[in-house]
């Protein structure tokens, strides 16, 4: 496993830990890097967080540095339109309260790979300057 791959797993684990601590012990939230889980696991009370496993790379940042920009989808649980944002807002509140380094969030749907229709939510970007290991 490369160190960037390890960083993806660490990012997912960090988000999962923050949300577990803030939201009912984490049993009502799904945090995953595998889009196939979107159909296998119920969305839970708060929704689903999908951490895209591959970041965008930017060079040069500085000597030996690469900027990694991660995409994280915060997806609402299926619910009536008036209620779908409640869980998403609680996820944002938990991440902000924990000091998690969020860069940007914008409304956006995630198209599931099985063509089951889009899931409503937000697309987050998280920027991470990474020291290259040779």
N, C-alpha and C. Protein backbone atom coordinates (compact mmCIF):
# COMPACT_ATOMS: atom_id res chain seq x y z
N UNK A 1 0.86 -1.17 0.00
CA UNK A 1 0.00 0.00 0.00
C UNK A 1 0.90 1.23 0.00
N UNK A 2 0.63 2.18 -0.89
CA UNK A 2 1.43 3.40 -0.94
C UNK A 2 1.05 4.31 0.22
N UNK A 3 1.91 5.26 0.51
CA UNK A 3 1.61 6.19 1.60
C UNK A 3 0.40 7.06 1.25
N UNK A 4 0.18 7.35 -0.02
CA UNK A 4 -1.03 8.10 -0.39
C UNK A 4 -2.27 7.25 -0.18
N UNK A 5 -2.19 5.96 -0.47
CA UNK A 5 -3.30 5.06 -0.21
C UNK A 5 -3.57 4.97 1.28
N UNK A 6 -2.50 4.92 2.06
CA UNK A 6 -2.65 4.92 3.52
C UNK A 6 -3.31 6.22 3.99
N UNK A 7 -2.98 7.34 3.35
CA UNK A 7 -3.59 8.62 3.71
C UNK A 7 -5.09 8.59 3.44
N UNK A 8 -5.50 7.96 2.34
CA UNK A 8 -6.94 7.85 2.05
C UNK A 8 -7.65 7.05 3.14
N UNK A 9 -7.04 5.94 3.57
CA UNK A 9 -7.63 5.13 4.64
C UNK A 9 -7.66 5.91 5.95
N UNK A 10 -6.61 6.68 6.23
CA UNK A 10 -6.56 7.48 7.46
C UNK A 10 -7.62 8.57 7.45
N UNK A 11 -7.83 9.19 6.30
CA UNK A 11 -8.85 10.23 6.16
C UNK A 11 -10.23 9.65 6.45
N UNK A 12 -10.52 8.51 5.87
CA UNK A 12 -11.80 7.84 6.10
C UNK A 12 -11.96 7.50 7.59
N UNK A 13 -10.91 6.97 8.20
CA UNK A 13 -10.97 6.60 9.62
C UNK A 13 -11.15 7.83 10.51
N UNK A 14 -10.49 8.93 10.16
CA UNK A 14 -10.63 10.16 10.95
C UNK A 14 -12.06 10.68 10.89
N UNK A 15 -12.64 10.73 9.70
CA UNK A 15 -14.03 11.18 9.55
C UNK A 15 -14.96 10.25 10.31
N UNK A 16 -14.75 8.96 10.19
CA UNK A 16 -15.58 7.97 10.88
C UNK A 16 -15.51 8.16 12.39
N UNK A 17 -14.32 8.38 12.92
CA UNK A 17 -14.15 8.57 14.37
C UNK A 17 -14.84 9.83 14.86
N UNK A 18 -14.70 10.92 14.11
CA UNK A 18 -15.36 12.18 14.49
C UNK A 18 -16.87 11.99 14.53
N UNK A 19 -17.42 11.37 13.49
CA UNK A 19 -18.87 11.21 13.40
C UNK A 19 -19.39 10.21 14.43
N UNK A 20 -18.62 9.17 14.72
CA UNK A 20 -19.02 8.21 15.75
C UNK A 20 -19.10 8.88 17.11
N UNK A 21 -18.14 9.76 17.40
CA UNK A 21 -18.13 10.45 18.69
C UNK A 21 -19.29 11.43 18.81
N UNK A 22 -19.69 12.03 17.72
CA UNK A 22 -20.69 13.09 17.76
C UNK A 22 -22.12 12.61 17.49
N UNK A 23 -22.27 11.50 16.77
CA UNK A 23 -23.60 11.10 16.30
C UNK A 23 -23.97 9.69 16.75
N UNK A 24 -24.46 9.57 17.94
CA UNK A 24 -25.02 8.30 18.44
C UNK A 24 -24.07 7.12 18.36
N UNK A 25 -22.77 7.35 18.56
CA UNK A 25 -21.82 6.25 18.53
C UNK A 25 -21.48 5.73 17.15
N UNK A 26 -21.98 6.36 16.12
CA UNK A 26 -21.63 6.00 14.75
C UNK A 26 -22.45 4.90 14.13
N UNK A 27 -23.40 4.31 14.88
CA UNK A 27 -24.18 3.22 14.29
C UNK A 27 -25.30 3.72 13.39
N UNK A 28 -25.48 5.01 13.28
CA UNK A 28 -26.51 5.58 12.42
C UNK A 28 -25.92 6.37 11.25
N UNK A 29 -24.63 6.14 10.95
CA UNK A 29 -23.95 6.82 9.85
C UNK A 29 -23.08 5.79 9.14
N UNK A 30 -23.03 5.85 7.84
CA UNK A 30 -22.15 4.99 7.05
C UNK A 30 -21.02 5.86 6.50
N UNK A 31 -19.77 5.47 6.78
CA UNK A 31 -18.60 6.13 6.22
C UNK A 31 -17.82 5.07 5.45
N UNK A 32 -17.60 5.31 4.16
CA UNK A 32 -16.99 4.30 3.31
C UNK A 32 -16.16 4.94 2.20
N UNK A 33 -15.29 4.15 1.60
CA UNK A 33 -14.57 4.55 0.39
C UNK A 33 -14.98 3.67 -0.78
N UNK A 34 -15.93 2.80 -0.55
CA UNK A 34 -16.36 1.84 -1.57
C UNK A 34 -17.79 2.16 -2.01
N UNK A 35 -17.94 2.66 -3.22
CA UNK A 35 -19.27 3.05 -3.71
C UNK A 35 -20.25 1.88 -3.73
N UNK A 36 -19.73 0.66 -3.76
CA UNK A 36 -20.63 -0.50 -3.74
C UNK A 36 -21.39 -0.59 -2.42
N UNK A 37 -20.84 0.01 -1.36
CA UNK A 37 -21.51 0.00 -0.06
C UNK A 37 -22.79 0.82 -0.06
N UNK A 38 -22.94 1.71 -1.02
CA UNK A 38 -24.13 2.57 -1.05
C UNK A 38 -25.40 1.75 -1.22
N UNK A 39 -25.31 0.61 -1.86
CA UNK A 39 -26.47 -0.24 -2.05
C UNK A 39 -26.55 -1.36 -1.01
N UNK A 40 -25.43 -1.68 -0.37
CA UNK A 40 -25.38 -2.79 0.58
C UNK A 40 -25.76 -2.38 2.00
N UNK A 41 -25.46 -1.12 2.36
CA UNK A 41 -25.69 -0.68 3.72
C UNK A 41 -26.80 0.37 3.74
N UNK A 42 -27.71 0.28 4.71
CA UNK A 42 -28.74 1.31 4.78
C UNK A 42 -28.12 2.66 5.16
N UNK A 43 -28.72 3.73 4.69
CA UNK A 43 -28.17 5.07 4.89
C UNK A 43 -28.13 5.47 6.36
N UNK A 44 -28.93 4.87 7.20
CA UNK A 44 -28.93 5.25 8.60
C UNK A 44 -29.65 6.56 8.83
N UNK A 45 -29.67 6.97 10.06
CA UNK A 45 -30.39 8.18 10.47
C UNK A 45 -29.81 9.45 9.86
N UNK A 46 -28.48 9.50 9.66
CA UNK A 46 -27.82 10.73 9.23
C UNK A 46 -27.42 10.74 7.77
N UNK A 47 -27.29 9.59 7.15
CA UNK A 47 -26.89 9.54 5.76
C UNK A 47 -25.62 8.74 5.57
N UNK A 48 -24.91 9.06 4.49
CA UNK A 48 -23.70 8.32 4.11
C UNK A 48 -22.60 9.32 3.77
N UNK A 49 -21.38 9.00 4.19
CA UNK A 49 -20.21 9.77 3.77
C UNK A 49 -19.36 8.85 2.91
N UNK A 50 -19.14 9.26 1.67
CA UNK A 50 -18.32 8.49 0.72
C UNK A 50 -17.03 9.26 0.46
N UNK A 51 -15.92 8.71 0.92
CA UNK A 51 -14.61 9.32 0.70
C UNK A 51 -14.05 8.72 -0.58
N UNK A 52 -13.96 9.55 -1.64
CA UNK A 52 -13.42 9.04 -2.90
C UNK A 52 -11.98 8.58 -2.65
N UNK A 53 -11.63 7.37 -3.07
CA UNK A 53 -10.33 6.82 -2.72
C UNK A 53 -9.14 7.45 -3.41
N UNK A 54 -9.34 8.17 -4.49
CA UNK A 54 -8.21 8.77 -5.21
C UNK A 54 -8.30 10.29 -5.21
N UNK A 55 -7.24 10.98 -4.79
CA UNK A 55 -7.26 12.44 -4.78
C UNK A 55 -6.85 13.02 -6.12
N UNK A 56 -7.08 14.32 -6.28
CA UNK A 56 -6.52 15.08 -7.39
C UNK A 56 -5.13 15.54 -6.95
N UNK A 57 -4.16 15.49 -7.85
CA UNK A 57 -2.77 15.88 -7.56
C UNK A 57 -2.47 17.24 -8.18
N UNK A 58 -1.71 18.07 -7.46
CA UNK A 58 -1.23 19.34 -7.99
C UNK A 58 0.26 19.44 -7.71
N UNK A 59 1.03 19.75 -8.78
CA UNK A 59 2.47 19.98 -8.64
C UNK A 59 2.82 21.29 -9.31
N UNK A 60 3.88 21.93 -9.07
CA UNK A 60 4.67 21.79 -7.86
C UNK A 60 4.07 22.66 -6.76
N UNK A 61 4.19 22.21 -5.56
CA UNK A 61 3.71 22.95 -4.40
C UNK A 61 4.92 23.53 -3.67
N UNK A 62 5.95 22.76 -3.61
CA UNK A 62 7.19 23.14 -2.95
C UNK A 62 8.15 21.98 -3.07
N UNK A 63 9.36 22.12 -2.61
CA UNK A 63 10.33 21.02 -2.72
C UNK A 63 9.80 19.74 -2.07
N UNK A 64 9.66 18.72 -2.87
CA UNK A 64 9.24 17.42 -2.36
C UNK A 64 7.78 17.33 -1.95
N UNK A 65 6.96 18.32 -2.32
CA UNK A 65 5.56 18.36 -1.88
C UNK A 65 4.61 18.14 -3.06
N UNK A 66 3.52 17.50 -2.77
CA UNK A 66 2.40 17.34 -3.70
C UNK A 66 1.14 17.77 -2.95
N UNK A 67 0.29 18.53 -3.61
CA UNK A 67 -1.00 18.89 -3.01
C UNK A 67 -2.01 17.85 -3.45
N UNK A 68 -2.66 17.24 -2.46
CA UNK A 68 -3.71 16.26 -2.71
C UNK A 68 -5.04 16.91 -2.40
N UNK A 69 -5.98 16.84 -3.32
CA UNK A 69 -7.31 17.38 -3.08
C UNK A 69 -8.28 16.20 -3.11
N UNK A 70 -8.87 15.95 -1.95
CA UNK A 70 -9.77 14.82 -1.77
C UNK A 70 -11.20 15.25 -2.00
N UNK A 71 -11.99 14.36 -2.56
CA UNK A 71 -13.42 14.59 -2.74
C UNK A 71 -14.17 13.69 -1.77
N UNK A 72 -15.07 14.31 -1.02
CA UNK A 72 -15.88 13.58 -0.04
C UNK A 72 -17.34 13.93 -0.31
N UNK A 73 -18.15 12.91 -0.49
CA UNK A 73 -19.58 13.10 -0.72
C UNK A 73 -20.32 12.89 0.60
N UNK A 74 -21.08 13.88 1.00
CA UNK A 74 -21.95 13.75 2.17
C UNK A 74 -23.36 13.62 1.62
N UNK A 75 -23.90 12.41 1.71
CA UNK A 75 -25.13 12.07 1.01
C UNK A 75 -26.29 11.94 1.99
N UNK A 76 -27.39 12.57 1.65
CA UNK A 76 -28.57 12.58 2.52
C UNK A 76 -29.25 11.22 2.51
N UNK A 77 -29.85 10.90 3.64
CA UNK A 77 -30.67 9.69 3.71
C UNK A 77 -31.92 9.91 2.87
N UNK A 78 -32.50 8.85 2.34
CA UNK A 78 -33.77 9.02 1.63
C UNK A 78 -34.83 9.54 2.59
N UNK A 79 -35.48 10.63 2.23
CA UNK A 79 -36.49 11.24 3.10
C UNK A 79 -37.27 12.26 2.27
N UNK A 80 -38.37 12.76 2.83
CA UNK A 80 -39.07 13.85 2.14
C UNK A 80 -38.14 15.04 1.94
N UNK A 81 -38.37 15.79 0.89
CA UNK A 81 -37.47 16.89 0.51
C UNK A 81 -37.20 17.86 1.65
N UNK A 82 -38.18 18.15 2.46
CA UNK A 82 -38.01 19.12 3.54
C UNK A 82 -37.05 18.61 4.62
N UNK A 83 -36.89 17.28 4.74
CA UNK A 83 -36.10 16.69 5.82
C UNK A 83 -34.72 16.20 5.42
N UNK A 84 -34.42 16.15 4.13
CA UNK A 84 -33.19 15.47 3.72
C UNK A 84 -31.92 16.17 4.21
N UNK A 85 -31.98 17.47 4.46
CA UNK A 85 -30.75 18.19 4.84
C UNK A 85 -30.44 18.10 6.33
N UNK A 86 -31.38 17.64 7.13
CA UNK A 86 -31.14 17.60 8.57
C UNK A 86 -29.91 16.76 8.92
N UNK A 87 -29.83 15.55 8.38
CA UNK A 87 -28.68 14.69 8.66
C UNK A 87 -27.39 15.25 8.11
N UNK A 88 -27.44 15.84 6.91
CA UNK A 88 -26.25 16.44 6.31
C UNK A 88 -25.74 17.59 7.17
N UNK A 89 -26.65 18.42 7.66
CA UNK A 89 -26.26 19.54 8.52
C UNK A 89 -25.59 19.04 9.80
N UNK A 90 -26.12 17.97 10.38
CA UNK A 90 -25.52 17.42 11.60
C UNK A 90 -24.12 16.86 11.33
N UNK A 91 -23.91 16.28 10.16
CA UNK A 91 -22.58 15.79 9.79
C UNK A 91 -21.62 16.96 9.68
N UNK A 92 -22.04 18.03 8.99
CA UNK A 92 -21.19 19.22 8.88
C UNK A 92 -20.88 19.79 10.26
N UNK A 93 -21.89 19.90 11.12
CA UNK A 93 -21.68 20.44 12.46
C UNK A 93 -20.63 19.63 13.22
N UNK A 94 -20.70 18.31 13.12
CA UNK A 94 -19.74 17.45 13.83
C UNK A 94 -18.32 17.66 13.30
N UNK A 95 -18.17 17.72 11.99
CA UNK A 95 -16.84 17.92 11.40
C UNK A 95 -16.27 19.29 11.76
N UNK A 96 -17.10 20.32 11.70
CA UNK A 96 -16.66 21.68 12.04
C UNK A 96 -16.27 21.76 13.51
N UNK A 97 -17.10 21.21 14.40
CA UNK A 97 -16.83 21.26 15.84
C UNK A 97 -15.52 20.54 16.19
N UNK A 98 -15.17 19.51 15.41
CA UNK A 98 -13.94 18.76 15.67
C UNK A 98 -12.71 19.44 15.06
N UNK A 99 -12.93 20.54 14.34
CA UNK A 99 -11.81 21.24 13.71
C UNK A 99 -11.28 20.53 12.47
N UNK A 100 -12.11 19.70 11.85
CA UNK A 100 -11.70 18.98 10.65
C UNK A 100 -11.47 19.99 9.52
N UNK A 101 -10.38 19.85 8.76
CA UNK A 101 -10.01 20.87 7.77
C UNK A 101 -10.82 20.82 6.47
N UNK A 102 -12.01 21.38 6.51
CA UNK A 102 -12.85 21.44 5.32
C UNK A 102 -12.46 22.66 4.49
N UNK A 103 -12.38 22.49 3.18
CA UNK A 103 -12.05 23.61 2.29
C UNK A 103 -13.28 24.22 1.67
N UNK A 104 -14.17 23.37 1.16
CA UNK A 104 -15.29 23.86 0.38
C UNK A 104 -16.37 22.79 0.33
N UNK A 105 -17.61 23.22 0.28
CA UNK A 105 -18.73 22.29 0.10
C UNK A 105 -19.73 22.94 -0.84
N UNK A 106 -20.25 22.14 -1.75
CA UNK A 106 -21.28 22.66 -2.65
C UNK A 106 -22.32 21.57 -2.87
N UNK A 107 -23.58 21.98 -3.05
CA UNK A 107 -24.61 20.98 -3.30
C UNK A 107 -24.27 20.18 -4.56
N UNK A 108 -24.54 18.90 -4.48
CA UNK A 108 -24.29 18.06 -5.64
C UNK A 108 -24.80 16.66 -5.42
N UNK A 109 -25.20 16.03 -6.47
CA UNK A 109 -25.66 14.65 -6.41
C UNK A 109 -24.51 13.70 -6.71
N UNK A 110 -24.62 12.49 -6.19
CA UNK A 110 -23.66 11.43 -6.52
C UNK A 110 -24.40 10.39 -7.34
N UNK A 111 -23.88 10.10 -8.52
CA UNK A 111 -24.49 9.08 -9.37
C UNK A 111 -23.91 7.73 -9.01
N UNK A 112 -24.72 6.86 -8.50
CA UNK A 112 -24.27 5.53 -8.10
C UNK A 112 -23.83 4.73 -9.33
N UNK A 113 -22.81 3.88 -9.16
CA UNK A 113 -22.31 3.12 -10.30
C UNK A 113 -23.31 2.13 -10.88
N UNK A 114 -24.34 1.76 -10.11
CA UNK A 114 -25.31 0.77 -10.60
C UNK A 114 -26.48 1.41 -11.34
N UNK A 115 -26.39 2.72 -11.64
CA UNK A 115 -27.44 3.45 -12.35
C UNK A 115 -28.78 3.45 -11.60
N UNK A 116 -28.72 3.33 -10.28
CA UNK A 116 -29.95 3.31 -9.48
C UNK A 116 -30.50 4.71 -9.25
N UNK A 117 -29.89 5.69 -9.83
CA UNK A 117 -30.35 7.06 -9.64
C UNK A 117 -29.42 7.81 -8.70
N UNK A 118 -29.43 9.13 -8.81
CA UNK A 118 -28.51 9.92 -8.00
C UNK A 118 -28.93 10.00 -6.54
N UNK A 119 -27.93 10.21 -5.69
CA UNK A 119 -28.17 10.46 -4.27
C UNK A 119 -27.87 11.94 -4.02
N UNK A 120 -28.77 12.59 -3.32
CA UNK A 120 -28.66 14.02 -3.06
C UNK A 120 -27.73 14.28 -1.89
N UNK A 121 -26.94 15.35 -2.00
CA UNK A 121 -26.06 15.70 -0.89
C UNK A 121 -25.16 16.86 -1.22
N UNK A 122 -23.97 16.81 -0.66
CA UNK A 122 -22.95 17.83 -0.87
C UNK A 122 -21.65 17.18 -1.29
N UNK A 123 -20.86 17.92 -2.05
CA UNK A 123 -19.52 17.50 -2.44
C UNK A 123 -18.54 18.38 -1.68
N UNK A 124 -17.74 17.77 -0.82
CA UNK A 124 -16.72 18.47 -0.05
C UNK A 124 -15.38 18.33 -0.73
N UNK A 125 -14.54 19.34 -0.60
CA UNK A 125 -13.14 19.20 -1.00
C UNK A 125 -12.27 19.47 0.22
N UNK A 126 -11.25 18.66 0.34
CA UNK A 126 -10.29 18.75 1.44
C UNK A 126 -8.91 18.75 0.82
N UNK A 127 -8.12 19.77 1.10
CA UNK A 127 -6.77 19.89 0.54
C UNK A 127 -5.75 19.48 1.58
N UNK A 128 -4.78 18.71 1.13
CA UNK A 128 -3.77 18.15 2.02
C UNK A 128 -2.41 18.26 1.32
N UNK A 129 -1.48 19.03 1.88
CA UNK A 129 -0.13 19.08 1.32
C UNK A 129 0.65 17.89 1.84
N UNK A 130 1.18 17.12 0.91
CA UNK A 130 1.74 15.81 1.21
C UNK A 130 3.24 15.82 0.89
N UNK A 131 4.07 15.38 1.83
CA UNK A 131 5.49 15.26 1.62
C UNK A 131 5.76 13.95 0.90
N UNK A 132 6.32 14.05 -0.31
CA UNK A 132 6.59 12.84 -1.11
C UNK A 132 7.66 11.99 -0.42
N UNK A 133 7.45 10.70 -0.46
CA UNK A 133 8.42 9.75 0.08
C UNK A 133 9.03 9.00 -1.10
N UNK A 134 10.32 9.04 -1.20
CA UNK A 134 11.00 8.37 -2.33
C UNK A 134 11.47 7.00 -1.94
